[in-house]
């Protein structure tokens, strides 16, 4: 078990790392309404929202002793440290909120005396507000053997007021082996999980879109033959593009391309997998190998667009003029072998663009347009458009 000093460093460093990761991923996670002045890290907008910052907690050991006495149980030492290290608004990451005015709000909101009688200490809600997260205190004081579990709060409505551990235990679901393991997963992996969440939602919706359009067998046949990208090809692709979005990586790990892909010797597989802002216009996902093979091709044939050689061809102002510095990842071709349209991730935008934006090329008439500011935003667009590129006609293509 960690010493108290090690626990303090673990919680403080973990929260600071999580804060930086959220700041890099999307600053929206660091904005809250009604942030107290001491926690404000920027101006308050007209709607009352403001970027917040971590500040040291003012909770004392005496405060924690009183809370333990009120709850009638001894807390794991790591929980005491968690409740007294920093004030924060890590609600989206599943750590609740702790402010200078309400330092125990996340803990108190989860309070349930029935759970405590069963030797389960409730300390948080999950991000969706369905599950109460608890520490199983059975093995105290060996807190490394006190797992974090959760229970659907609605299941508590069916229990008698005097229900005990025998009734509660079958309703509990495992979350982590210990509080330390639970916090480590959030501190070190929550942002990566978030980055992949859009891809997971996208894949689930894509399967349903095929089923709704009568393409159950098409999807089933693809699922039978497809494999994810190999570790070597993925490593090679990331060596060329260190900024590879986690969402695209997740798609490749699901299926390493759907564009004339030979998953079985002598057998070509094609599956319409992506769309764009063009209504009912489908695309194939390129394999990691194809993405690497086409790395510099656009710079060769599309330089007239980057250099704006023709005034009558629209090119988005978020796209650079610097042909020599162009770094695009070609990840999708439209259903006619890419002749009409291709999709790219742009890692070298102009000052008016955003690194990682999605660029759509279309031919006849030629055009380069930024259609999303990130790969996840691109997937969200396709979800919102209800996978309009999958229908009876496109399935028959």
Protein backbone atom coordinates (compact mmCIF):
# COMPACT_ATOMS: atom_id res chain seq x y z
CA UNK A 1 0.00 0.00 0.00
CA UNK A 2 1.22 3.53 -0.76
CA UNK A 3 2.34 5.79 2.04
CA UNK A 4 0.28 8.93 2.72
CA UNK A 5 2.93 11.02 0.97
CA UNK A 6 2.82 8.74 -2.05
CA UNK A 7 -0.97 8.88 -2.07
CA UNK A 8 -0.88 12.70 -2.00
CA UNK A 9 1.52 12.80 -4.95
CA UNK A 10 -0.53 10.19 -6.81
CA UNK A 11 -3.77 12.18 -6.52
CA UNK A 12 -2.24 15.61 -7.10
CA UNK A 13 -0.13 14.53 -10.09
CA UNK A 14 -3.00 12.49 -11.52
CA UNK A 15 -5.41 15.43 -11.39
CA UNK A 16 -2.84 17.76 -12.94
CA UNK A 17 -2.13 15.27 -15.74
CA UNK A 18 -5.85 14.81 -16.37
CA UNK A 19 -6.37 18.57 -16.48
CA UNK A 20 -3.60 18.99 -19.08
CA UNK A 21 -4.96 16.09 -21.14
CA UNK A 22 -8.44 17.62 -21.19
CA UNK A 23 -7.00 21.00 -22.14
CA UNK A 24 -5.24 19.45 -25.11
CA UNK A 25 -8.17 17.27 -26.16
CA UNK A 26 -10.96 19.83 -25.94
CA UNK A 27 -11.06 22.90 -23.63
CA UNK A 28 -14.87 22.54 -23.41
CA UNK A 29 -14.24 19.95 -20.68
CA UNK A 30 -12.70 22.71 -18.55
CA UNK A 31 -15.67 25.07 -18.74
CA UNK A 32 -18.42 25.24 -16.15
CA UNK A 33 -21.25 27.56 -15.22
CA UNK A 34 -21.09 29.32 -11.87
CA UNK A 35 -17.39 28.79 -11.19
CA UNK A 36 -16.41 30.54 -7.92
CA UNK A 37 -13.95 33.38 -8.35
CA UNK A 38 -11.09 31.49 -6.70
CA UNK A 39 -11.35 28.71 -9.35
CA UNK A 40 -11.79 30.91 -12.42
CA UNK A 41 -9.04 30.64 -15.05
CA UNK A 42 -10.50 33.07 -17.56
CA UNK A 43 -13.34 35.51 -18.24
CA UNK A 44 -16.97 34.61 -17.59
CA UNK A 45 -18.98 34.64 -20.84
CA UNK A 46 -22.44 36.09 -21.30
CA UNK A 47 -24.04 32.76 -20.41
CA UNK A 48 -22.11 32.48 -17.15
CA UNK A 49 -19.62 29.86 -18.35
CA UNK A 50 -15.96 30.07 -17.41
CA UNK A 51 -12.80 28.00 -17.64
CA UNK A 52 -11.97 26.57 -14.24
CA UNK A 53 -8.65 25.66 -12.67
CA UNK A 54 -7.45 23.28 -9.99
CA UNK A 55 -6.94 24.89 -6.59
CA UNK A 56 -5.71 23.33 -3.34
CA UNK A 57 -8.45 21.98 -1.09
CA UNK A 58 -9.02 23.54 2.32
CA UNK A 59 -10.35 20.28 3.80
CA UNK A 60 -8.51 19.31 7.01
CA UNK A 61 -7.98 16.00 8.76
CA UNK A 62 -10.50 17.17 11.39
CA UNK A 63 -13.10 17.73 8.65
CA UNK A 64 -12.58 14.19 7.40
CA UNK A 65 -12.76 12.77 10.94
CA UNK A 66 -16.14 14.46 11.44
CA UNK A 67 -17.37 13.11 8.09
CA UNK A 68 -16.32 9.59 9.06
CA UNK A 69 -18.12 9.93 12.37
CA UNK A 70 -21.28 11.14 10.63
CA UNK A 71 -21.18 8.23 8.18
CA UNK A 72 -20.36 5.68 10.81
CA UNK A 73 -17.44 4.03 9.03
CA UNK A 74 -13.73 4.42 8.50
CA UNK A 75 -12.64 5.67 5.08
CA UNK A 76 -9.75 4.21 3.09
CA UNK A 77 -6.78 6.58 3.45
CA UNK A 78 -6.66 7.13 -0.33
CA UNK A 79 -10.27 8.33 -0.27
CA UNK A 80 -9.38 10.82 2.45
CA UNK A 81 -6.54 12.08 0.28
CA UNK A 82 -8.81 12.26 -2.78
CA UNK A 83 -11.33 14.35 -0.83
CA UNK A 84 -8.71 16.77 0.52
CA UNK A 85 -6.16 17.41 -2.25
CA UNK A 86 -7.72 19.58 -4.96
CA UNK A 87 -10.93 21.38 -5.78
CA UNK A 88 -12.09 20.47 -9.29
CA UNK A 89 -14.94 19.99 -11.76
CA UNK A 90 -14.00 16.59 -13.19
CA UNK A 91 -17.64 15.57 -13.60
CA UNK A 92 -17.27 14.58 -17.26
CA UNK A 93 -14.41 12.28 -16.33
CA UNK A 94 -16.48 10.58 -13.64
CA UNK A 95 -14.86 12.17 -10.57
CA UNK A 96 -17.68 14.52 -9.62
CA UNK A 97 -16.97 18.01 -8.39
CA UNK A 98 -15.33 19.45 -5.29
CA UNK A 99 -15.38 23.19 -4.70
CA UNK A 100 -14.15 25.38 -1.89
CA UNK A 101 -17.76 25.98 -0.81
CA UNK A 102 -18.85 22.35 -1.22
CA UNK A 103 -15.74 20.18 -0.85
CA UNK A 104 -17.72 16.97 -0.28
CA UNK A 105 -20.47 17.47 -2.86
CA UNK A 106 -19.52 14.44 -5.00
CA UNK A 107 -19.41 12.27 -1.88
CA UNK A 108 -22.63 13.58 -0.34
CA UNK A 109 -24.60 13.28 -3.58
CA UNK A 110 -23.87 9.54 -3.64
CA UNK A 111 -24.76 8.99 0.01
CA UNK A 112 -27.11 6.07 0.76
CA UNK A 113 -27.42 4.58 4.27
CA UNK A 114 -28.61 1.20 2.95
CA UNK A 115 -25.35 0.75 1.09
CA UNK A 116 -23.27 1.66 4.14
CA UNK A 117 -25.13 -0.90 6.26
CA UNK A 118 -24.05 -3.47 3.70
CA UNK A 119 -20.41 -2.37 4.12
CA UNK A 120 -20.38 -0.52 0.79
CA UNK A 121 -19.18 3.09 0.98
CA UNK A 122 -20.81 5.19 -1.80
CA UNK A 123 -18.54 7.98 -2.98
CA UNK A 124 -19.43 8.94 -6.59
CA UNK A 125 -22.03 8.70 -9.32
CA UNK A 126 -21.08 7.57 -12.81
CA UNK A 127 -21.10 10.21 -15.54
CA UNK A 128 -24.54 9.19 -16.81
CA UNK A 129 -26.12 9.29 -13.38
CA UNK A 130 -27.33 5.68 -13.37
CA UNK A 131 -24.82 3.93 -11.13
CA UNK A 132 -23.63 4.71 -7.62
CA UNK A 133 -19.94 3.90 -7.29
CA UNK A 134 -18.97 2.30 -3.98
CA UNK A 135 -15.89 1.02 -2.18
CA UNK A 136 -16.40 -2.46 -0.75
CA UNK A 137 -15.04 -2.07 2.78
CA UNK A 138 -15.09 -5.77 3.65
CA UNK A 139 -11.30 -6.14 3.61
CA UNK A 140 -10.46 -2.91 5.45
CA UNK A 141 -7.92 -1.83 6.58
CA UNK A 142 -6.23 -3.54 3.60
CA UNK A 143 -7.58 -0.99 1.11
CA UNK A 144 -5.65 -2.51 -1.78
CA UNK A 145 -8.12 -5.39 -1.45
CA UNK A 146 -11.19 -3.13 -1.29
CA UNK A 147 -12.65 -3.14 -4.81
CA UNK A 148 -14.73 -0.40 -6.40
CA UNK A 149 -18.17 -1.66 -7.41
CA UNK A 150 -21.33 -0.04 -8.67
CA UNK A 151 -25.08 -0.51 -8.39
CA UNK A 152 -27.89 0.81 -10.56
CA UNK A 153 -29.62 3.27 -8.23
CA UNK A 154 -33.05 2.12 -9.42
CA UNK A 155 -32.37 -1.35 -8.02
CA UNK A 156 -32.33 0.21 -4.56
CA UNK A 157 -35.99 1.16 -4.93
CA UNK A 158 -36.90 -2.53 -4.88
CA UNK A 159 -35.14 -3.23 -1.58
CA UNK A 160 -36.53 -2.97 1.93
CA UNK A 161 -35.13 -0.25 4.15
CA UNK A 162 -33.42 -2.84 6.31
CA UNK A 163 -31.82 -4.70 3.37
CA UNK A 164 -28.31 -5.92 4.08
CA UNK A 165 -25.27 -7.21 2.26
CA UNK A 166 -26.94 -10.47 1.24
CA UNK A 167 -29.48 -8.55 -0.81
CA UNK A 168 -27.00 -5.96 -2.12
CA UNK A 169 -24.09 -8.17 -3.18
CA UNK A 170 -25.89 -9.84 -6.15
CA UNK A 171 -26.77 -6.38 -7.50
CA UNK A 172 -23.21 -5.06 -7.46
CA UNK A 173 -21.12 -4.85 -10.64
CA UNK A 174 -17.30 -4.79 -10.55
CA UNK A 175 -15.57 -1.56 -11.62
CA UNK A 176 -11.95 -1.75 -10.43
CA UNK A 177 -9.78 -3.88 -8.13
CA UNK A 178 -9.21 -0.96 -5.76
CA UNK A 179 -9.68 2.79 -5.43
CA UNK A 180 -6.11 3.26 -6.63
CA UNK A 181 -6.83 1.20 -9.76
CA UNK A 182 -10.07 3.13 -10.34
CA UNK A 183 -8.35 6.52 -10.11
CA UNK A 184 -5.38 5.36 -12.20
CA UNK A 185 -7.67 4.35 -15.03
CA UNK A 186 -9.30 7.79 -15.06
CA UNK A 187 -6.09 9.75 -14.61
CA UNK A 188 -4.24 7.83 -17.33
CA UNK A 189 -6.86 6.53 -19.72
CA UNK A 190 -10.07 8.55 -19.61
CA UNK A 191 -9.14 10.92 -22.42
CA UNK A 192 -8.13 8.02 -24.68
CA UNK A 193 -11.45 6.32 -23.95
CA UNK A 194 -13.26 9.54 -24.84
CA UNK A 195 -11.33 9.82 -28.10
CA UNK A 196 -12.47 6.34 -29.08
CA UNK A 197 -16.06 6.76 -27.93
CA UNK A 198 -17.18 8.44 -31.15
CA UNK A 199 -15.70 5.58 -33.17
CA UNK A 200 -17.51 3.00 -31.03
CA UNK A 201 -20.81 4.82 -31.42
CA UNK A 202 -20.18 5.18 -35.12
CA UNK A 203 -19.57 1.46 -35.66
CA UNK A 204 -22.68 0.50 -33.72
CA UNK A 205 -24.78 2.90 -35.78
CA UNK A 206 -23.24 1.73 -39.05
CA UNK A 207 -24.24 -1.86 -38.35
CA UNK A 208 -27.79 -0.74 -37.55
CA UNK A 209 -27.90 1.36 -40.74
CA UNK A 210 -27.03 -1.71 -42.82
CA UNK A 211 -29.68 -3.76 -41.05
CA UNK A 212 -32.33 -1.04 -41.50
CA UNK A 213 -31.54 -0.87 -45.24
CA UNK A 214 -31.86 -4.62 -45.68
CA UNK A 215 -28.12 -5.22 -45.74
CA UNK A 216 -27.87 -7.64 -42.82
CA UNK A 217 -26.17 -10.28 -44.97
CA UNK A 218 -23.76 -7.75 -46.50
CA UNK A 219 -22.66 -6.74 -43.00
CA UNK A 220 -22.53 -10.33 -41.78
CA UNK A 221 -20.36 -11.37 -44.74
CA UNK A 222 -17.98 -8.51 -44.04
CA UNK A 223 -17.77 -9.35 -40.34
CA UNK A 224 -16.85 -12.92 -41.25
CA UNK A 225 -13.81 -11.98 -43.32
CA UNK A 226 -12.51 -8.65 -41.98
CA UNK A 227 -9.59 -8.31 -39.59
CA UNK A 228 -8.09 -5.34 -37.80
CA UNK A 229 -4.84 -3.64 -38.73
CA UNK A 230 -1.66 -5.45 -37.74
CA UNK A 231 0.53 -3.95 -35.01
CA UNK A 232 3.34 -3.45 -37.52
CA UNK A 233 1.26 -1.58 -40.10
CA UNK A 234 -0.30 0.55 -37.37
CA UNK A 235 3.14 1.38 -35.96
CA UNK A 236 4.39 2.27 -39.45
CA UNK A 237 1.37 4.51 -40.06
CA UNK A 238 1.83 6.27 -36.71
CA UNK A 239 5.51 6.77 -37.49
CA UNK A 240 4.43 8.75 -40.58
CA UNK A 241 1.55 10.45 -38.80
CA UNK A 242 2.23 10.71 -35.04
CA UNK A 243 -0.97 12.77 -34.73
CA UNK A 244 -3.13 9.88 -36.02
CA UNK A 245 -6.57 10.43 -34.43
CA UNK A 246 -7.57 7.79 -31.91
CA UNK A 247 -10.92 7.51 -33.68
CA UNK A 248 -9.34 6.54 -36.99
CA UNK A 249 -7.01 4.14 -35.19
CA UNK A 250 -10.08 2.51 -33.62
CA UNK A 251 -11.73 2.10 -37.04
CA UNK A 252 -8.60 0.49 -38.45
CA UNK A 253 -8.41 -1.85 -35.48
CA UNK A 254 -11.98 -2.86 -36.29
CA UNK A 255 -11.30 -3.31 -40.02
CA UNK A 256 -8.09 -2.61 -41.89
CA UNK A 257 -9.78 -1.11 -44.92
CA UNK A 258 -12.92 -1.77 -46.97
CA UNK A 259 -11.60 -0.76 -50.39
CA UNK A 260 -10.84 -3.74 -52.64
CA UNK A 261 -9.29 -5.29 -49.56
CA UNK A 262 -7.93 -8.83 -49.90
CA UNK A 263 -8.60 -10.29 -46.46
CA UNK A 264 -8.57 -13.79 -47.97
CA UNK A 265 -6.18 -14.79 -50.78
CA UNK A 266 -7.75 -14.13 -54.17
CA UNK A 267 -10.93 -12.69 -52.65
CA UNK A 268 -11.55 -8.91 -52.84
CA UNK A 269 -13.78 -7.28 -50.25
CA UNK A 270 -15.56 -3.94 -50.64
CA UNK A 271 -17.88 -2.29 -48.14
CA UNK A 272 -19.21 1.25 -48.14
CA UNK A 273 -18.10 2.48 -44.75
CA UNK A 274 -18.07 6.29 -44.59
CA UNK A 275 -19.86 9.37 -45.87
CA UNK A 276 -19.31 13.12 -46.03
CA UNK A 277 -21.28 16.35 -46.11
CA UNK A 278 -22.51 15.30 -49.56
CA UNK A 279 -25.92 13.73 -49.08
CA UNK A 280 -26.13 9.97 -49.79
CA UNK A 281 -22.55 9.92 -51.08
CA UNK A 282 -20.64 6.84 -49.82
CA UNK A 283 -16.93 6.20 -49.32
CA UNK A 284 -14.64 3.26 -48.62
CA UNK A 285 -12.16 3.24 -45.74
CA UNK A 286 -8.59 2.77 -46.97
CA UNK A 287 -6.32 0.26 -45.24
CA UNK A 288 -3.27 1.45 -43.30
CA UNK A 289 -1.11 0.17 -46.16
CA UNK A 290 -3.12 2.15 -48.73
CA UNK A 291 -2.92 5.27 -46.56
CA UNK A 292 0.86 5.00 -46.52
CA UNK A 293 1.10 4.25 -50.24
CA UNK A 294 -0.94 7.36 -51.12
CA UNK A 295 0.89 9.63 -48.67
CA UNK A 296 2.22 12.17 -51.21
CA UNK A 297 -0.05 11.61 -54.17
CA UNK A 298 -2.32 14.58 -53.59
CA UNK A 299 0.65 16.93 -53.48
CA UNK A 300 1.60 15.59 -56.94
CA UNK A 301 -1.73 15.81 -58.74
CA UNK A 302 -3.55 18.39 -56.60
CA UNK A 303 -0.90 21.09 -56.39
CA UNK A 304 -2.96 23.39 -58.62
CA UNK A 305 -5.54 23.50 -55.82
CA UNK A 306 -3.07 24.20 -52.99
CA UNK A 307 -1.33 26.89 -55.04
CA UNK A 308 -4.68 28.41 -56.10
CA UNK A 309 -3.69 28.41 -59.75
CA UNK A 310 -7.27 28.96 -60.88
CA UNK A 311 -9.41 31.69 -59.37
CA UNK A 312 -12.67 29.96 -60.24
CA UNK A 313 -11.90 26.80 -58.22
CA UNK A 314 -13.07 27.18 -54.61
CA UNK A 315 -10.52 26.22 -51.94
CA UNK A 316 -11.39 26.61 -48.27
CA UNK A 317 -9.48 29.40 -46.50
CA UNK A 318 -8.57 26.97 -43.73
CA UNK A 319 -6.34 25.10 -46.21
CA UNK A 320 -2.69 26.07 -46.51
CA UNK A 321 -0.96 27.60 -49.53
CA UNK A 322 2.29 25.85 -48.63
CA UNK A 323 2.66 22.89 -50.98
CA UNK A 324 6.13 21.93 -49.70
CA UNK A 325 4.89 21.62 -46.11
CA UNK A 326 1.66 19.79 -46.94
CA UNK A 327 0.95 16.81 -44.66
CA UNK A 328 -2.35 15.14 -45.44
CA UNK A 329 -3.55 11.66 -44.57
CA UNK A 330 -5.70 10.21 -47.34
CA UNK A 331 -8.17 7.91 -45.53
CA UNK A 332 -11.20 7.45 -47.81
CA UNK A 333 -12.18 7.18 -51.47
CA UNK A 334 -15.69 7.57 -52.82
CA UNK A 335 -17.63 4.66 -54.27
CA UNK A 336 -16.34 5.12 -57.87
CA UNK A 337 -12.73 4.35 -56.90
CA UNK A 338 -12.09 7.86 -55.65
CA UNK A 339 -12.52 9.48 -59.04
CA UNK A 340 -15.18 11.91 -57.83
CA UNK A 341 -14.19 12.51 -54.23
CA UNK A 342 -11.54 11.76 -51.62
CA UNK A 343 -11.24 12.55 -47.91
CA UNK A 344 -8.13 13.70 -46.04
CA UNK A 345 -7.01 14.59 -42.53
CA UNK A 346 -5.12 17.88 -42.74
CA UNK A 347 -2.25 18.21 -40.26
CA UNK A 348 -0.87 21.43 -41.79
CA UNK A 349 -3.74 23.91 -42.09
CA UNK A 350 -3.57 27.62 -42.71
CA UNK A 351 -3.79 30.09 -39.83
CA UNK A 352 -7.56 30.05 -40.30
CA UNK A 353 -7.77 26.26 -40.12
CA UNK A 354 -7.32 23.70 -37.36
CA UNK A 355 -4.79 20.87 -37.31
CA UNK A 356 -6.62 17.58 -37.77
CA UNK A 357 -9.46 19.06 -39.78
CA UNK A 358 -11.19 16.92 -42.41
CA UNK A 359 -10.88 18.05 -46.02
CA UNK A 360 -13.15 16.81 -48.80
CA UNK A 361 -11.98 16.95 -52.43
CA UNK A 362 -14.59 16.70 -55.13
CA UNK A 363 -14.09 16.61 -58.88
CA UNK A 364 -16.13 18.18 -61.69
CA UNK A 365 -16.50 20.83 -60.55
CA UNK A 366 -13.28 20.74 -58.53
CA UNK A 367 -13.45 21.90 -54.93
CA UNK A 368 -11.55 21.58 -51.64
CA UNK A 369 -13.72 22.05 -48.56
CA UNK A 370 -13.13 21.66 -44.83
CA UNK A 371 -16.12 19.62 -43.66
CA UNK A 372 -15.22 19.03 -39.98
CA UNK A 373 -12.69 20.42 -37.51
CA UNK A 374 -11.61 16.97 -36.28
CA UNK A 375 -12.03 13.28 -37.04
CA UNK A 376 -14.42 12.80 -34.13
CA UNK A 377 -16.49 15.78 -35.29
CA UNK A 378 -16.56 14.18 -38.75
CA UNK A 379 -17.91 10.91 -37.32
CA UNK A 380 -20.47 12.83 -35.27
CA UNK A 381 -21.64 14.54 -38.47
CA UNK A 382 -22.22 11.17 -40.14
CA UNK A 383 -24.12 9.94 -37.08
CA UNK A 384 -26.28 13.08 -37.03
CA UNK A 385 -26.97 12.62 -40.74
CA UNK A 386 -28.25 9.14 -39.86
CA UNK A 387 -25.78 7.35 -42.16
CA UNK A 388 -27.64 8.67 -45.21
CA UNK A 389 -25.01 7.10 -47.49
CA UNK A 390 -26.31 3.63 -46.58
CA UNK A 391 -29.54 2.73 -48.37
CA UNK A 392 -30.92 0.03 -50.64
CA UNK A 393 -29.34 1.58 -53.71
CA UNK A 394 -25.83 1.97 -52.30
CA UNK A 395 -25.89 -1.52 -50.77
CA UNK A 396 -26.56 -2.93 -54.25
CA UNK A 397 -23.61 -1.06 -55.77
